[in-house]
Amino acid sequence: MNQQLAAHLGAIVRLAREQMSLTQVQVADRVGLASAVYSRVERGHMIPSVETMKKLCIELMVSPEDLMGLTESSNSGARARPEDDAAMRRLIFVARKLDAGKMDALLHVATELAR
């Protein structure tokens, strides 16, 4: 097992879970894992299957690139730019799934919030 990858993956899923105010049990149930197994993933003690990683990306709204440590901001020790912020990447990940009407609504809401 690649310990560095396991540790990175665990840290990313923990951060995403906490940002969504979910418990380990809730995420484990959503992705079909026993809570003890999910806990091992978060602690960096195991790397889940590809199918489980896909489910984690969907449930925690994390891109596969971020999950695997393939993005520049997750690989470098340098200070991340605001557009590289995890919340921004999650928003983009969700927005890409929207149809044109919902995207227009999201843009309207975001514009009003930014005022």
Protein backbone atom coordinates (compact mmCIF):
# COMPACT_ATOMS: atom_id res chain seq x y z
CA MET A 1 0.00 0.00 0.00
CA ASN A 2 1.21 3.49 -0.84
CA GLN A 3 1.27 5.10 2.62
CA GLN A 4 1.59 8.64 1.27
CA LEU A 5 -1.47 8.20 -0.96
CA ALA A 6 -3.46 6.61 1.88
CA ALA A 7 -2.61 9.49 4.22
CA HIS A 8 -3.50 12.13 1.60
CA LEU A 9 -6.77 10.41 0.71
CA GLY A 10 -7.69 10.11 4.39
CA ALA A 11 -7.00 13.78 5.06
CA ILE A 12 -9.06 14.89 2.05
CA VAL A 13 -12.11 12.78 2.92
CA ARG A 14 -11.96 13.86 6.56
CA LEU A 15 -11.79 17.54 5.61
CA ALA A 16 -14.65 17.21 3.11
CA ARG A 17 -16.77 15.27 5.62
CA GLU A 18 -16.20 17.86 8.32
CA GLN A 19 -16.98 20.73 5.93
CA MET A 20 -20.30 19.04 5.17
CA SER A 21 -20.97 18.51 8.91
CA LEU A 22 -21.36 14.76 8.46
CA THR A 23 -20.33 12.00 10.83
CA GLN A 24 -18.15 9.08 9.84
CA VAL A 25 -21.17 6.79 10.27
CA GLN A 26 -23.24 8.90 7.87
CA VAL A 27 -20.58 8.85 5.16
CA ALA A 28 -19.92 5.15 5.68
CA ASP A 29 -23.62 4.40 5.22
CA ARG A 30 -23.82 6.55 2.08
CA VAL A 31 -20.89 4.80 0.39
CA GLY A 32 -21.71 1.29 1.62
CA LEU A 33 -18.88 0.74 4.07
CA ALA A 34 -18.86 -0.40 7.66
CA SER A 35 -18.10 2.59 9.88
CA ALA A 36 -14.93 0.90 11.20
CA VAL A 37 -13.68 0.46 7.63
CA TYR A 38 -14.45 4.07 6.75
CA SER A 39 -12.60 5.15 9.89
CA ARG A 40 -9.51 3.27 8.66
CA VAL A 41 -9.73 5.17 5.36
CA GLU A 42 -9.82 8.54 7.15
CA ARG A 43 -6.88 7.57 9.35
CA GLY A 44 -4.85 6.68 6.27
CA HIS A 45 -4.67 3.00 7.14
CA MET A 46 -6.22 1.73 3.91
CA ILE A 47 -6.97 2.73 0.35
CA PRO A 48 -10.54 1.92 -0.70
CA SER A 49 -11.53 0.27 -3.96
CA VAL A 50 -11.97 2.36 -7.08
CA GLU A 51 -15.76 1.98 -6.83
CA THR A 52 -15.70 3.23 -3.22
CA MET A 53 -13.45 6.14 -4.19
CA LYS A 54 -15.99 7.08 -6.87
CA LYS A 55 -18.77 7.00 -4.28
CA LEU A 56 -16.67 9.13 -1.91
CA CYS A 57 -16.13 11.72 -4.66
CA ILE A 58 -19.87 11.90 -5.30
CA GLU A 59 -21.02 11.95 -1.67
CA LEU A 60 -18.34 14.36 -0.42
CA MET A 61 -18.31 16.46 -3.61
CA VAL A 62 -14.56 16.07 -4.06
CA SER A 63 -12.98 15.77 -7.48
CA PRO A 64 -11.09 12.56 -8.22
CA GLU A 65 -8.01 14.68 -8.88
CA ASP A 66 -8.15 16.20 -5.39
CA LEU A 67 -8.87 12.84 -3.81
CA MET A 68 -5.83 11.27 -5.45
CA GLY A 69 -3.55 14.26 -4.86
CA LEU A 70 -3.20 15.08 -8.54
CA THR A 71 -4.01 18.79 -8.33
CA GLU A 72 -1.25 21.33 -8.06
CA SER A 73 -2.53 22.81 -4.79
CA SER A 74 -2.70 19.40 -3.11
CA ASN A 75 0.84 18.50 -4.19
CA SER A 76 2.69 21.70 -3.39
CA GLY A 77 3.53 23.15 -0.05
CA ALA A 78 3.02 26.63 -1.44
CA ARG A 79 0.18 28.80 -0.28
CA ALA A 80 -2.90 28.07 -2.40
CA ARG A 81 -4.50 30.83 -4.47
CA PRO A 82 -8.10 31.68 -3.55
CA GLU A 83 -9.38 29.95 -6.69
CA ASP A 84 -7.61 26.77 -5.57
CA ASP A 85 -9.51 26.72 -2.29
CA ALA A 86 -11.18 23.37 -1.59
CA ALA A 87 -14.62 24.94 -1.22
CA MET A 88 -14.27 26.61 -4.61
CA ARG A 89 -13.26 23.33 -6.24
CA ARG A 90 -16.25 21.61 -4.64
CA LEU A 91 -18.56 24.33 -5.92
CA ILE A 92 -17.19 23.91 -9.43
CA PHE A 93 -17.54 20.12 -9.15
CA VAL A 94 -21.24 20.51 -8.27
CA ALA A 95 -21.87 23.27 -10.82
CA ARG A 96 -20.59 21.11 -13.66
CA LYS A 97 -23.49 18.73 -13.04
CA LEU A 98 -26.17 21.40 -13.47
CA ASP A 99 -28.30 21.87 -16.55
CA ALA A 100 -28.39 25.31 -18.21
CA GLY A 101 -31.43 26.55 -16.27
CA LYS A 102 -30.01 25.59 -12.90
CA MET A 103 -26.63 27.07 -13.84
CA ASP A 104 -28.33 30.39 -14.65
CA ALA A 105 -30.10 30.27 -11.28
CA LEU A 106 -26.82 29.54 -9.49
CA LEU A 107 -25.12 32.44 -11.27
CA HIS A 108 -27.97 34.76 -10.28
CA VAL A 109 -27.78 33.69 -6.63
CA ALA A 110 -23.98 33.97 -6.57
CA THR A 111 -24.12 37.42 -8.14
CA GLU A 112 -26.61 38.62 -5.53
CA LEU A 113 -24.58 37.14 -2.68
CA ALA A 114 -21.44 38.83 -3.95
CA ARG A 115 -23.00 42.30 -3.77
